Amino acid sequence: MATDAYVNNNFYTINKAVLDGINTSRDQISGVSLDEEAANMMTFQSSYNAAARLMTTLNNTLTPCIETSQDVFEGVPLSCNSAHFE
């Protein structure tokens, strides 16, 4: 019994080492580094969040300006025809 457990433990250790080596080789061949991909994802997420904050700020800034200009120019034709400026 003890010998079987020892042999099984050795097989497990050897098989795990072989599997780890195969996984490492596969990752090197595929050229995909999970750590690098995670770092890129965090960078892109941060950039996206910054762009979203910028758009929100622009929307909050420009909405009152647009509403004010609509009130000021209500009834004025929007074409830039020179006849409107004479």
Protein backbone atom coordinates (compact mmCIF):
# COMPACT_ATOMS: atom_id res chain seq x y z
CA MET A 1 0.00 0.00 0.00
CA ALA A 2 2.68 2.48 1.00
CA THR A 3 4.72 1.56 -2.07
CA ASP A 4 1.71 2.13 -4.36
CA ALA A 5 1.13 5.54 -2.83
CA TYR A 6 4.80 6.42 -3.30
CA VAL A 7 4.77 5.26 -6.94
CA ASN A 8 1.53 7.14 -7.65
CA ASN A 9 2.95 10.28 -6.05
CA ASN A 10 6.07 10.01 -8.23
CA PHE A 11 3.95 9.53 -11.38
CA TYR A 12 1.87 12.54 -10.42
CA THR A 13 4.97 14.69 -9.84
CA ILE A 14 6.54 13.64 -13.15
CA ASN A 15 3.31 14.08 -15.12
CA LYS A 16 2.73 17.50 -13.58
CA ALA A 17 6.27 18.59 -14.52
CA VAL A 18 5.76 17.36 -18.09
CA LEU A 19 2.39 19.10 -18.34
CA ASP A 20 3.84 22.36 -17.01
CA GLY A 21 6.65 22.12 -19.58
CA ILE A 22 4.19 21.51 -22.40
CA ASN A 23 2.03 24.45 -21.31
CA THR A 24 5.08 26.71 -21.14
CA SER A 25 6.19 25.61 -24.61
CA ARG A 26 2.70 26.17 -26.01
CA ASP A 27 2.53 29.67 -24.52
CA GLN A 28 5.94 30.53 -25.96
CA ILE A 29 4.98 29.28 -29.42
CA SER A 30 1.62 31.03 -29.44
CA GLY A 31 3.33 34.28 -28.51
CA VAL A 32 0.56 35.25 -26.12
CA SER A 33 1.60 36.40 -22.70
CA LEU A 34 -1.32 36.49 -20.32
CA ASP A 35 0.46 39.02 -18.11
CA GLU A 36 1.08 41.31 -21.08
CA GLU A 37 -2.50 40.92 -22.30
CA ALA A 38 -3.84 41.76 -18.82
CA ALA A 39 -1.63 44.87 -18.69
CA ASN A 40 -2.84 45.93 -22.15
CA MET A 41 -6.45 45.38 -21.12
CA MET A 42 -6.00 47.60 -18.05
CA THR A 43 -4.40 50.31 -20.21
CA PHE A 44 -7.21 50.19 -22.76
CA GLN A 45 -9.84 50.21 -20.02
CA SER A 46 -8.22 53.26 -18.45
CA SER A 47 -8.13 55.02 -21.84
CA TYR A 48 -11.78 54.16 -22.46
CA ASN A 49 -12.77 55.52 -19.04
CA ALA A 50 -10.86 58.75 -19.71
CA ALA A 51 -12.55 59.16 -23.09
CA ALA A 52 -15.95 58.53 -21.51
CA ARG A 53 -15.29 61.19 -18.85
CA LEU A 54 -14.22 63.62 -21.59
CA MET A 55 -17.42 63.01 -23.56
CA THR A 56 -19.53 63.47 -20.42
CA THR A 57 -17.75 66.74 -19.63
CA LEU A 58 -18.21 67.98 -23.21
CA ASN A 59 -21.88 67.04 -23.13
CA ASN A 60 -22.42 68.80 -19.81
CA THR A 61 -20.56 71.89 -21.07
CA LEU A 62 -22.09 72.15 -24.54
CA THR A 63 -25.72 71.29 -23.73
CA PRO A 64 -26.43 74.62 -21.96
CA CYS A 65 -24.64 76.51 -24.76
CA ILE A 66 -26.71 74.81 -27.43
CA GLU A 67 -29.94 75.36 -25.51
CA THR A 68 -29.08 79.05 -25.05
CA SER A 69 -28.23 79.49 -28.72
CA GLN A 70 -31.51 77.83 -29.72
CA ASP A 71 -33.38 80.34 -27.56
CA VAL A 72 -31.42 83.30 -29.01
CA PHE A 73 -31.79 82.25 -32.64
CA GLU A 74 -35.34 80.98 -32.44
CA GLY A 75 -37.13 81.86 -35.66
CA VAL A 76 -33.94 82.78 -37.52
CA PRO A 77 -33.38 80.69 -40.68
CA LEU A 78 -30.31 78.48 -40.43
CA SER A 79 -29.08 78.92 -44.02
CA CYS A 80 -26.07 81.13 -44.62
CA ASN A 81 -27.63 82.81 -47.62
CA SER A 82 -26.30 86.34 -47.99
CA ALA A 83 -29.85 87.67 -48.33
CA HIS A 84 -30.39 87.00 -44.63
CA PHE A 85 -27.49 89.24 -43.68
CA GLU A 86 -28.43 92.36 -45.67
